Amino acid sequence: MSSIDATEDLAAADHPGPEVNVGQLERAVSITLGTALVALALSRRRSAGALTVGVFGAYMAWRGARGHCALYELLDTGTAGDDEDDRLAAGGHDDVSVEGAITIARGPEEVYAFCRALENAPRFLAYVESVRTLEGGLSRWLARTAAGTPLEWEAEVLEDLPGRLFAWRSRPGSPVHHAGALRFQPAPGGRGTEVRLDVEYEPPGAPIARMVARVFGSAAEYRIDEDLRRLKQLLEAGETPTTRGQPQGCLPGSAPAAT
């Protein structure tokens, strides 16, 4: 069982009452983050700011265990009542959404076939470590944040039109929301294929994750144009430089590791 699964089980315990305003996934992330910050503060208790980090970590762990956020209460909002279907509907979630396009000097069928083989995704999607195809049109994705934290989820195929469109999304209940669509059409003048990539990503614990990122440092930008350039180089030249360990190789919306 992964650490994510373990924290989800812990956060899934019911805390009845009107005060619950934090969703289960966000509670799991709060517990994980809070515990890590407390451990960091204890290991550096003589350092400046260790007390602040420890107090913040203790609050996050308490927040996750209890399922209540004072800020959400003040703003009359929350994530506890989110409906999974609404969360997965287009435009129904608070996420990072990016898109880009490029022309590749290969035919639509060839480009589609390469992208449809999901095991190829880590070769051009910088933040993806691996994708394993499962039965029933499902796949298992592994990604890693800039801080080195692994994130895993299962995805399902939404649409599959050979040579034209391939779309996927994370399954309901996944620790992250991740969706993507690749569209293929012949480029004018027989120059190959116009490829458009759309990606949506909601980090665990959103919107609290982005609130923390804004306070402690700007989030790393997801550079979709670099993904598309890698795809172009793979298909036209058969090779691509590695980006593992570089800042742009992290999940969109994840903050850079502290130094």
Protein backbone atom coordinates (compact mmCIF):
# COMPACT_ATOMS: atom_id res chain seq x y z
CA MET A 1 0.00 0.00 0.00
CA SER A 2 1.38 3.41 -0.94
CA SER A 3 1.63 6.35 1.47
CA ILE A 4 -1.16 8.03 -0.50
CA ASP A 5 -3.44 5.02 0.00
CA ALA A 6 -2.63 4.94 3.69
CA THR A 7 -3.42 8.60 4.25
CA GLU A 8 -6.62 8.29 2.22
CA ASP A 9 -7.75 5.47 4.51
CA LEU A 10 -6.96 7.59 7.57
CA ALA A 11 -8.73 10.66 6.22
CA ALA A 12 -11.74 8.62 5.11
CA ALA A 13 -12.93 8.20 8.70
CA ASP A 14 -16.23 10.02 9.14
CA HIS A 15 -16.35 13.20 11.20
CA PRO A 16 -20.08 13.89 11.31
CA GLY A 17 -21.43 17.36 11.85
CA PRO A 18 -21.85 20.66 10.05
CA GLU A 19 -18.24 21.71 10.76
CA VAL A 20 -16.79 19.31 8.15
CA ASN A 21 -15.90 21.43 5.11
CA VAL A 22 -12.76 19.70 3.79
CA GLY A 23 -13.01 16.89 1.22
CA GLN A 24 -11.49 13.48 1.88
CA LEU A 25 -8.64 13.81 -0.62
CA GLU A 26 -7.71 17.22 0.73
CA ARG A 27 -7.80 15.89 4.28
CA ALA A 28 -5.40 13.10 3.28
CA VAL A 29 -2.99 15.63 1.78
CA SER A 30 -3.28 17.88 4.86
CA ILE A 31 -2.34 14.99 7.14
CA THR A 32 0.61 14.00 4.95
CA LEU A 33 1.89 17.56 4.60
CA GLY A 34 1.34 18.37 8.25
CA THR A 35 3.15 15.27 9.47
CA ALA A 36 6.08 15.97 7.16
CA LEU A 37 6.37 19.58 8.33
CA VAL A 38 6.29 18.57 11.99
CA ALA A 39 9.02 16.00 11.35
CA LEU A 40 11.07 18.63 9.51
CA ALA A 41 10.66 21.11 12.37
CA LEU A 42 11.75 18.52 14.93
CA SER A 43 14.83 17.62 12.89
CA ARG A 44 15.80 21.30 12.65
CA ARG A 45 14.51 22.57 15.97
CA ARG A 46 17.54 24.79 16.45
CA SER A 47 17.05 26.51 13.09
CA ALA A 48 15.31 29.83 12.67
CA GLY A 49 11.69 29.36 11.74
CA ALA A 50 11.48 25.75 12.95
CA LEU A 51 8.78 26.66 15.46
CA THR A 52 6.67 28.35 12.78
CA VAL A 53 7.01 25.37 10.46
CA GLY A 54 6.11 23.00 13.30
CA VAL A 55 3.03 24.96 14.32
CA PHE A 56 1.86 25.19 10.72
CA GLY A 57 2.44 21.47 10.26
CA ALA A 58 0.51 20.62 13.42
CA TYR A 59 -2.40 22.76 12.23
CA MET A 60 -2.43 21.06 8.82
CA ALA A 61 -2.44 17.61 10.41
CA TRP A 62 -5.23 18.65 12.79
CA ARG A 63 -7.14 20.19 9.90
CA GLY A 64 -6.95 16.97 7.93
CA ALA A 65 -7.89 14.73 10.85
CA ARG A 66 -10.85 16.87 11.87
CA GLY A 67 -11.98 17.80 8.36
CA HIS A 68 -12.50 21.46 9.20
CA CYS A 69 -10.81 24.57 7.79
CA ALA A 70 -11.34 27.90 9.54
CA LEU A 71 -10.51 29.83 6.37
CA TYR A 72 -13.12 27.88 4.40
CA GLU A 73 -15.65 28.62 7.12
CA LEU A 74 -14.79 32.33 6.98
CA LEU A 75 -15.16 32.37 3.18
CA ASP A 76 -18.30 30.21 3.32
CA THR A 77 -16.77 27.63 0.99
CA GLY A 78 -15.19 24.20 1.17
CA THR A 79 -14.51 20.95 -0.66
CA ALA A 80 -16.39 18.42 1.45
CA GLY A 81 -19.54 18.64 -0.64
CA ASP A 82 -17.89 18.37 -4.05
CA ASP A 83 -19.63 15.87 -6.28
CA GLU A 84 -17.23 13.61 -8.13
CA ASP A 85 -19.10 13.85 -11.41
CA ASP A 86 -19.05 17.66 -11.24
CA ARG A 87 -15.35 17.57 -10.44
CA LEU A 88 -14.59 15.56 -13.54
CA ALA A 89 -16.87 17.54 -15.85
CA ALA A 90 -15.18 20.04 -18.15
CA GLY A 91 -14.82 23.35 -16.35
CA GLY A 92 -16.22 21.84 -13.15
CA HIS A 93 -13.04 21.89 -11.12
CA ASP A 94 -10.41 24.38 -10.00
CA ASP A 95 -7.38 23.26 -11.96
CA VAL A 96 -4.44 24.16 -14.14
CA SER A 97 -5.51 24.01 -17.77
CA VAL A 98 -3.00 24.46 -20.58
CA GLU A 99 -2.94 23.83 -24.30
CA GLY A 100 -0.55 24.05 -27.20
CA ALA A 101 -0.10 23.00 -30.81
CA ILE A 102 2.70 22.03 -33.18
CA THR A 103 3.15 20.70 -36.73
CA ILE A 104 4.93 17.35 -37.10
CA ALA A 105 6.24 16.11 -40.43
CA ARG A 106 4.52 12.75 -40.15
CA GLY A 107 1.07 11.53 -41.15
CA PRO A 108 -1.86 11.68 -38.70
CA GLU A 109 -2.11 7.88 -38.43
CA GLU A 110 1.56 7.56 -37.50
CA VAL A 111 1.44 10.36 -34.92
CA TYR A 112 -1.79 8.97 -33.44
CA ALA A 113 -0.36 5.45 -33.19
CA PHE A 114 2.69 6.70 -31.28
CA CYS A 115 0.63 8.77 -28.83
CA ARG A 116 -2.02 6.07 -28.41
CA ALA A 117 0.64 3.73 -27.03
CA LEU A 118 0.52 5.22 -23.54
CA GLU A 119 3.85 3.67 -22.62
CA ASN A 120 5.35 6.40 -24.84
CA ALA A 121 3.88 9.21 -22.71
CA PRO A 122 6.94 9.52 -20.38
CA ARG A 123 9.09 10.08 -23.46
CA PHE A 124 7.51 13.46 -24.18
CA LEU A 125 5.39 14.39 -21.11
CA ALA A 126 8.12 15.72 -18.86
CA TYR A 127 6.38 15.23 -15.50
CA VAL A 128 5.37 11.60 -16.14
CA GLU A 129 7.68 8.86 -14.85
CA SER A 130 5.83 5.85 -16.25
CA VAL A 131 2.51 4.66 -17.66
CA ARG A 132 1.43 1.03 -17.48
CA THR A 133 -1.49 -0.25 -19.55
CA LEU A 134 -4.11 -2.25 -17.64
CA GLU A 135 -7.12 -4.24 -18.76
CA GLY A 136 -10.43 -2.64 -19.70
CA GLY A 137 -8.98 0.51 -21.25
CA LEU A 138 -7.36 1.60 -17.97
CA SER A 139 -3.80 2.71 -17.31
CA ARG A 140 -1.65 3.33 -14.24
CA TRP A 141 0.28 6.62 -14.17
CA LEU A 142 3.27 7.56 -12.01
CA ALA A 143 4.48 11.16 -11.80
CA ARG A 144 6.84 12.98 -9.46
CA THR A 145 6.75 16.53 -8.07
CA ALA A 146 9.77 18.84 -7.99
CA ALA A 147 10.21 17.91 -4.33
CA GLY A 148 10.48 14.24 -5.33
CA THR A 149 7.05 13.18 -4.05
CA PRO A 150 5.56 10.39 -6.18
CA LEU A 151 1.93 10.60 -7.25
CA GLU A 152 0.06 7.63 -8.72
CA TRP A 153 -3.39 7.35 -10.26
CA GLU A 154 -5.43 5.28 -12.67
CA ALA A 155 -6.79 6.81 -15.87
CA GLU A 156 -9.52 5.81 -18.29
CA VAL A 157 -9.96 6.47 -22.00
CA LEU A 158 -12.67 9.03 -22.77
CA GLU A 159 -12.53 9.11 -26.56
CA ASP A 160 -10.51 7.19 -29.11
CA LEU A 161 -10.90 8.13 -32.77
CA PRO A 162 -7.95 6.66 -34.71
CA GLY A 163 -5.99 9.31 -36.54
CA ARG A 164 -8.15 12.13 -35.13
CA LEU A 165 -8.53 12.23 -31.34
CA PHE A 166 -7.36 10.50 -28.17
CA ALA A 167 -8.56 11.70 -24.75
CA TRP A 168 -8.13 10.37 -21.21
CA ARG A 169 -8.80 11.37 -17.60
CA SER A 170 -8.07 10.14 -14.09
CA ARG A 171 -10.68 7.83 -12.62
CA PRO A 172 -13.13 9.04 -9.93
CA GLY A 173 -11.54 8.83 -6.50
CA SER A 174 -7.99 9.39 -7.77
CA PRO A 175 -5.67 11.48 -5.54
CA VAL A 176 -5.24 13.95 -8.42
CA HIS A 177 -7.40 15.11 -11.29
CA HIS A 178 -5.54 14.71 -14.55
CA ALA A 179 -7.04 14.83 -18.03
CA GLY A 180 -5.63 15.22 -21.48
CA ALA A 181 -6.63 15.27 -25.13
CA LEU A 182 -4.54 14.94 -28.28
CA ARG A 183 -6.11 16.06 -31.55
CA PHE A 184 -4.64 15.28 -34.96
CA GLN A 185 -5.44 16.78 -38.36
CA PRO A 186 -3.59 17.03 -41.67
CA ALA A 187 -1.44 20.15 -41.93
CA PRO A 188 -2.06 22.48 -44.91
CA GLY A 189 0.07 21.84 -47.97
CA GLY A 190 0.80 18.24 -47.03
CA ARG A 191 3.33 19.33 -44.38
CA GLY A 192 2.39 16.56 -41.99
CA THR A 193 0.09 16.70 -38.96
CA GLU A 194 -1.12 19.50 -36.75
CA VAL A 195 -1.12 18.18 -33.19
CA ARG A 196 -2.99 19.94 -30.40
CA LEU A 197 -2.44 18.90 -26.79
CA ASP A 198 -4.79 19.98 -23.98
CA VAL A 199 -3.97 19.10 -20.37
CA GLU A 200 -5.90 19.70 -17.15
CA TYR A 201 -4.36 19.10 -13.77
CA GLU A 202 -5.64 19.63 -10.24
CA PRO A 203 -3.02 19.00 -7.55
CA PRO A 204 -3.93 17.14 -4.35
CA GLY A 205 -5.48 19.42 -1.79
CA ALA A 206 -6.45 22.17 -4.23
CA PRO A 207 -7.19 24.97 -3.64
CA ILE A 208 -5.17 24.94 -0.39
CA ALA A 209 -2.08 23.70 -2.30
CA ARG A 210 -2.06 26.78 -4.50
CA MET A 211 -2.67 29.05 -1.50
CA VAL A 212 0.45 27.61 0.17
CA ALA A 213 2.42 27.93 -3.10
CA ARG A 214 1.53 31.60 -3.37
CA VAL A 215 2.76 32.23 0.17
CA PHE A 216 6.00 30.23 0.08
CA GLY A 217 6.94 30.58 -3.60
CA SER A 218 5.48 30.64 -7.08
CA ALA A 219 4.44 27.33 -8.62
CA ALA A 220 6.50 25.79 -11.39
CA GLU A 221 4.91 26.44 -14.75
CA TYR A 222 3.89 23.55 -16.91
CA ARG A 223 5.58 24.14 -20.26
CA ILE A 224 3.39 22.24 -22.68
CA ASP A 225 5.28 23.65 -25.65
CA GLU A 226 8.36 21.75 -24.51
CA ASP A 227 6.35 18.52 -24.38
CA LEU A 228 5.22 19.09 -27.95
CA ARG A 229 8.75 19.85 -29.13
CA ARG A 230 9.93 16.57 -27.60
CA LEU A 231 7.11 14.75 -29.38
CA LYS A 232 8.10 16.37 -32.67
CA GLN A 233 11.75 15.45 -32.21
CA LEU A 234 10.88 11.86 -31.32
CA LEU A 235 8.76 11.35 -34.40
CA GLU A 236 10.91 13.26 -36.87
CA ALA A 237 14.40 12.39 -35.61
CA GLY A 238 13.77 9.36 -33.43
CA GLU A 239 15.40 10.82 -30.34
CA THR A 240 14.83 13.42 -27.64
CA PRO A 241 16.96 14.89 -24.83
CA THR A 242 16.05 13.81 -21.32
CA THR A 243 14.47 16.31 -18.91
CA ARG A 244 14.43 14.16 -15.79
CA GLY A 245 15.42 16.14 -12.71
CA GLN A 246 14.98 19.54 -14.34
CA PRO A 247 12.44 22.07 -12.96
CA GLN A 248 10.16 21.78 -15.99
CA GLY A 249 10.00 18.04 -15.36
CA CYS A 250 7.65 18.42 -12.42
CA LEU A 251 3.91 18.30 -12.20
CA PRO A 252 2.08 21.47 -13.20
CA GLY A 253 1.09 23.36 -10.10
CA SER A 254 3.76 21.78 -7.90
CA ALA A 255 6.05 24.15 -6.06
CA PRO A 256 9.84 23.92 -6.46
CA ALA A 257 11.70 22.14 -3.69
CA ALA A 258 12.94 24.45 -0.93
CA THR A 259 16.65 25.09 -0.69
